[in-house]
Amino acid sequence: MSRRENRQVAVAAATVGPWRTAAGVGAVVGATALGIDAISGDWSLSMLADPAGWGLFFFFLVGTVGGQLRRDTTDRRLARWAAEHPWQSALPAAGGLLLLNTLAQLFLGDAGVFEAFFVSLFPAGLLLAVAGVVGSVKRARGKG
């Protein structure tokens, strides 16, 4: 397959995750982080940036890892491709987290463009690492 086709299949494979559950988990984590920030008493618009980042991270984490561990997928070809390419199938979620977290840090926080981008690199890299390792372990266990 060409690079373009690989990207398209990676995005399609990312859609098989449990995204409703992921949205619920992300909302609960974000609301909890916001509650903790509200207790601290620092009331401003910038107090929304970190809870939004936490919520986005757990949304993409549950959706991506859940999609890799899911067995009841409707498209077996996508599931097989994602199992054979765990790192490539985790890239769309990491890219989405990087983009959305950068925007949240930029518009809800006090960060500038570069600071927001660099703050967002760590969670996106962590998501990529966790999802890639989970997919690689699943693939290794499936072959054994």
C-alpha atoms as a PDB file:
ATOM      1  CA  MET A   1       0.000   0.000   0.000  1.00  0.00           C
ATOM      2  CA  SER A   2       1.090   3.561  -0.569  1.00  0.00           C
ATOM      3  CA  ARG A   3       1.737   5.992   2.284  1.00  0.00           C
ATOM      4  CA  ARG A   4      -1.539   7.737   1.549  1.00  0.00           C
ATOM      5  CA  GLU A   5      -3.464   4.469   1.712  1.00  0.00           C
ATOM      6  CA  ASN A   6      -1.715   3.559   4.966  1.00  0.00           C
ATOM      7  CA  ARG A   7      -2.804   6.892   6.487  1.00  0.00           C
ATOM      8  CA  GLN A   8      -6.382   6.359   5.343  1.00  0.00           C
ATOM      9  CA  VAL A   9      -6.485   2.842   6.771  1.00  0.00           C
ATOM     10  CA  ALA A  10      -4.966   4.086  10.054  1.00  0.00           C
ATOM     11  CA  VAL A  11      -7.691   6.714  10.404  1.00  0.00           C
ATOM     12  CA  ALA A  12     -10.361   4.157   9.517  1.00  0.00           C
ATOM     13  CA  ALA A  13      -8.936   1.699  12.062  1.00  0.00           C
ATOM     14  CA  ALA A  14      -9.072   4.420  14.723  1.00  0.00           C
ATOM     15  CA  THR A  15     -12.845   4.646  14.312  1.00  0.00           C
ATOM     16  CA  VAL A  16     -13.503   1.145  15.686  1.00  0.00           C
ATOM     17  CA  GLY A  17     -12.788   2.144  19.284  1.00  0.00           C
ATOM     18  CA  PRO A  18     -15.415   2.466  22.015  1.00  0.00           C
ATOM     19  CA  TRP A  19     -15.739   6.238  21.569  1.00  0.00           C
ATOM     20  CA  ARG A  20     -18.952   6.675  23.578  1.00  0.00           C
ATOM     21  CA  THR A  21     -17.323   5.069  26.584  1.00  0.00           C
ATOM     22  CA  ALA A  22     -14.207   7.129  25.941  1.00  0.00           C
ATOM     23  CA  ALA A  23     -16.274  10.327  25.905  1.00  0.00           C
ATOM     24  CA  GLY A  24     -17.799   9.388  29.255  1.00  0.00           C
ATOM     25  CA  VAL A  25     -14.428   8.618  30.806  1.00  0.00           C
ATOM     26  CA  GLY A  26     -12.929  11.823  29.417  1.00  0.00           C
ATOM     27  CA  ALA A  27     -15.835  13.872  30.760  1.00  0.00           C
ATOM     28  CA  VAL A  28     -15.576  12.319  34.222  1.00  0.00           C
ATOM     29  CA  VAL A  29     -11.808  12.827  34.383  1.00  0.00           C
ATOM     30  CA  GLY A  30     -12.081  16.400  33.082  1.00  0.00           C
ATOM     31  CA  ALA A  31     -14.872  17.253  35.535  1.00  0.00           C
ATOM     32  CA  THR A  32     -12.899  15.745  38.414  1.00  0.00           C
ATOM     33  CA  ALA A  33      -9.809  17.737  37.490  1.00  0.00           C
ATOM     34  CA  LEU A  34     -11.936  20.887  37.194  1.00  0.00           C
ATOM     35  CA  GLY A  35     -13.428  20.215  40.635  1.00  0.00           C
ATOM     36  CA  ILE A  36      -9.972  19.856  42.119  1.00  0.00           C
ATOM     37  CA  ASP A  37      -8.872  23.091  40.455  1.00  0.00           C
ATOM     38  CA  ALA A  38     -12.026  24.858  41.703  1.00  0.00           C
ATOM     39  CA  ILE A  39     -11.242  23.838  45.278  1.00  0.00           C
ATOM     40  CA  SER A  40      -7.818  25.466  44.969  1.00  0.00           C
ATOM     41  CA  GLY A  41      -9.558  28.841  44.555  1.00  0.00           C
ATOM     42  CA  ASP A  42      -7.664  30.155  41.517  1.00  0.00           C
ATOM     43  CA  TRP A  43     -10.706  31.266  39.523  1.00  0.00           C
ATOM     44  CA  SER A  44      -9.940  32.293  35.958  1.00  0.00           C
ATOM     45  CA  LEU A  45     -10.444  31.078  32.416  1.00  0.00           C
ATOM     46  CA  SER A  46      -6.981  29.491  32.495  1.00  0.00           C
ATOM     47  CA  MET A  47      -8.143  26.974  35.096  1.00  0.00           C
ATOM     48  CA  LEU A  48     -10.010  25.176  32.280  1.00  0.00           C
ATOM     49  CA  ALA A  49      -6.894  24.316  30.257  1.00  0.00           C
ATOM     50  CA  ASP A  50      -5.481  21.530  32.422  1.00  0.00           C
ATOM     51  CA  PRO A  51      -8.812  19.731  33.032  1.00  0.00           C
ATOM     52  CA  ALA A  52      -9.502  19.911  29.289  1.00  0.00           C
ATOM     53  CA  GLY A  53      -6.082  18.354  28.661  1.00  0.00           C
ATOM     54  CA  TRP A  54      -6.734  15.558  31.151  1.00  0.00           C
ATOM     55  CA  GLY A  55     -10.157  14.881  29.672  1.00  0.00           C
ATOM     56  CA  LEU A  56      -8.782  14.791  26.128  1.00  0.00           C
ATOM     57  CA  PHE A  57      -5.932  12.467  27.127  1.00  0.00           C
ATOM     58  CA  PHE A  58      -8.241   9.917  28.736  1.00  0.00           C
ATOM     59  CA  PHE A  59     -10.755  10.222  25.893  1.00  0.00           C
ATOM     60  CA  PHE A  60      -8.121   9.299  23.317  1.00  0.00           C
ATOM     61  CA  LEU A  61      -6.500   6.704  25.589  1.00  0.00           C
ATOM     62  CA  VAL A  62      -9.704   4.759  26.226  1.00  0.00           C
ATOM     63  CA  GLY A  63     -10.846   5.073  22.609  1.00  0.00           C
ATOM     64  CA  THR A  64      -7.539   3.973  21.100  1.00  0.00           C
ATOM     65  CA  VAL A  65      -6.579   1.195  23.503  1.00  0.00           C
ATOM     66  CA  GLY A  66     -10.173  -0.009  23.654  1.00  0.00           C
ATOM     67  CA  GLY A  67     -10.242  -0.197  19.875  1.00  0.00           C
ATOM     68  CA  GLN A  68      -7.074  -2.275  19.858  1.00  0.00           C
ATOM     69  CA  LEU A  69      -8.385  -4.674  22.487  1.00  0.00           C
ATOM     70  CA  ARG A  70     -11.867  -4.931  21.041  1.00  0.00           C
ATOM     71  CA  ARG A  71     -12.839  -8.309  19.622  1.00  0.00           C
ATOM     72  CA  ASP A  72     -16.343  -7.612  18.343  1.00  0.00           C
ATOM     73  CA  THR A  73     -15.379  -5.329  15.473  1.00  0.00           C
ATOM     74  CA  THR A  74     -17.544  -5.250  12.370  1.00  0.00           C
ATOM     75  CA  ASP A  75     -14.699  -4.915   9.872  1.00  0.00           C
ATOM     76  CA  ARG A  76     -12.216  -7.739  10.326  1.00  0.00           C
ATOM     77  CA  ARG A  77      -9.832  -6.314   7.714  1.00  0.00           C
ATOM     78  CA  LEU A  78      -9.410  -3.089   9.673  1.00  0.00           C
ATOM     79  CA  ALA A  79      -8.923  -5.015  12.895  1.00  0.00           C
ATOM     80  CA  ARG A  80      -6.319  -7.246  11.247  1.00  0.00           C
ATOM     81  CA  TRP A  81      -4.458  -4.242   9.810  1.00  0.00           C
ATOM     82  CA  ALA A  82      -4.509  -2.481  13.193  1.00  0.00           C
ATOM     83  CA  ALA A  83      -3.212  -5.630  14.886  1.00  0.00           C
ATOM     84  CA  GLU A  84      -0.378  -5.915  12.362  1.00  0.00           C
ATOM     85  CA  HIS A  85       0.497  -2.195  12.576  1.00  0.00           C
ATOM     86  CA  PRO A  86      -0.063  -1.168  16.227  1.00  0.00           C
ATOM     87  CA  TRP A  87       2.121   1.942  16.097  1.00  0.00           C
ATOM     88  CA  GLN A  88       0.607   3.256  12.871  1.00  0.00           C
ATOM     89  CA  SER A  89      -2.912   2.672  14.156  1.00  0.00           C
ATOM     90  CA  ALA A  90      -2.101   4.748  17.277  1.00  0.00           C
ATOM     91  CA  LEU A  91      -0.822   7.739  15.279  1.00  0.00           C
ATOM     92  CA  PRO A  92      -4.207   9.340  14.421  1.00  0.00           C
ATOM     93  CA  ALA A  93      -5.226   9.435  18.079  1.00  0.00           C
ATOM     94  CA  ALA A  94      -1.862  10.864  19.141  1.00  0.00           C
ATOM     95  CA  GLY A  95      -2.099  13.479  16.398  1.00  0.00           C
ATOM     96  CA  GLY A  96      -5.646  14.366  17.399  1.00  0.00           C
ATOM     97  CA  LEU A  97      -4.622  14.707  21.022  1.00  0.00           C
ATOM     98  CA  LEU A  98      -1.666  16.878  20.068  1.00  0.00           C
ATOM     99  CA  LEU A  99      -3.855  19.197  18.005  1.00  0.00           C
ATOM    100  CA  LEU A 100      -6.807  19.455  20.385  1.00  0.00           C
ATOM    101  CA  ASN A 101      -4.672  19.777  23.519  1.00  0.00           C
ATOM    102  CA  THR A 102      -2.600  22.492  21.837  1.00  0.00           C
ATOM    103  CA  LEU A 103      -5.789  24.382  21.013  1.00  0.00           C
ATOM    104  CA  ALA A 104      -7.111  23.927  24.560  1.00  0.00           C
ATOM    105  CA  GLN A 105      -3.855  25.188  26.086  1.00  0.00           C
ATOM    106  CA  LEU A 106      -3.769  28.082  23.642  1.00  0.00           C
ATOM    107  CA  PHE A 107      -7.355  29.299  23.955  1.00  0.00           C
ATOM    108  CA  LEU A 108      -8.232  28.255  27.511  1.00  0.00           C
ATOM    109  CA  GLY A 109      -4.847  28.728  29.133  1.00  0.00           C
ATOM    110  CA  ASP A 110      -2.217  31.409  29.364  1.00  0.00           C
ATOM    111  CA  ALA A 111       0.208  29.663  27.004  1.00  0.00           C
ATOM    112  CA  GLY A 112       1.494  31.037  23.728  1.00  0.00           C
ATOM    113  CA  VAL A 113       1.547  29.039  20.508  1.00  0.00           C
ATOM    114  CA  PHE A 114       4.919  27.357  21.028  1.00  0.00           C
ATOM    115  CA  GLU A 115       4.419  26.734  24.735  1.00  0.00           C
ATOM    116  CA  ALA A 116       1.000  25.194  24.085  1.00  0.00           C
ATOM    117  CA  PHE A 117       2.504  22.942  21.411  1.00  0.00           C
ATOM    118  CA  PHE A 118       5.404  21.813  23.586  1.00  0.00           C
ATOM    119  CA  VAL A 119       3.144  21.239  26.601  1.00  0.00           C
ATOM    120  CA  SER A 120       0.971  19.023  24.385  1.00  0.00           C
ATOM    121  CA  LEU A 121       3.857  16.946  23.048  1.00  0.00           C
ATOM    122  CA  PHE A 122       4.303  14.916  26.246  1.00  0.00           C
ATOM    123  CA  PRO A 123       0.700  13.638  26.553  1.00  0.00           C
ATOM    124  CA  ALA A 124       0.578  12.872  22.822  1.00  0.00           C
ATOM    125  CA  GLY A 125       3.872  10.960  23.034  1.00  0.00           C
ATOM    126  CA  LEU A 126       2.690   9.114  26.126  1.00  0.00           C
ATOM    127  CA  LEU A 127      -0.543   8.141  24.375  1.00  0.00           C
ATOM    128  CA  LEU A 128       1.395   6.910  21.350  1.00  0.00           C
ATOM    129  CA  ALA A 129       3.720   4.874  23.577  1.00  0.00           C
ATOM    130  CA  VAL A 130       0.955   3.283  25.636  1.00  0.00           C
ATOM    131  CA  ALA A 131      -1.237   2.454  22.633  1.00  0.00           C
ATOM    132  CA  GLY A 132       1.734   1.175  20.627  1.00  0.00           C
ATOM    133  CA  VAL A 133       2.956  -1.062  23.445  1.00  0.00           C
ATOM    134  CA  VAL A 134      -0.547  -2.423  24.119  1.00  0.00           C
ATOM    135  CA  GLY A 135      -1.001  -3.205  20.418  1.00  0.00           C
ATOM    136  CA  SER A 136       2.455  -4.781  20.166  1.00  0.00           C
ATOM    137  CA  VAL A 137       1.854  -6.975  23.214  1.00  0.00           C
ATOM    138  CA  LYS A 138      -1.538  -8.015  21.862  1.00  0.00           C
ATOM    139  CA  ARG A 139       0.056  -8.906  18.520  1.00  0.00           C
ATOM    140  CA  ALA A 140       2.858 -10.869  20.216  1.00  0.00           C
ATOM    141  CA  ARG A 141       0.416 -12.768  22.421  1.00  0.00           C
ATOM    142  CA  GLY A 142      -1.785 -13.543  19.414  1.00  0.00           C
ATOM    143  CA  LYS A 143       1.098 -15.165  17.544  1.00  0.00           C
ATOM    144  CA  GLY A 144       2.120 -17.335  20.484  1.00  0.00           C
END
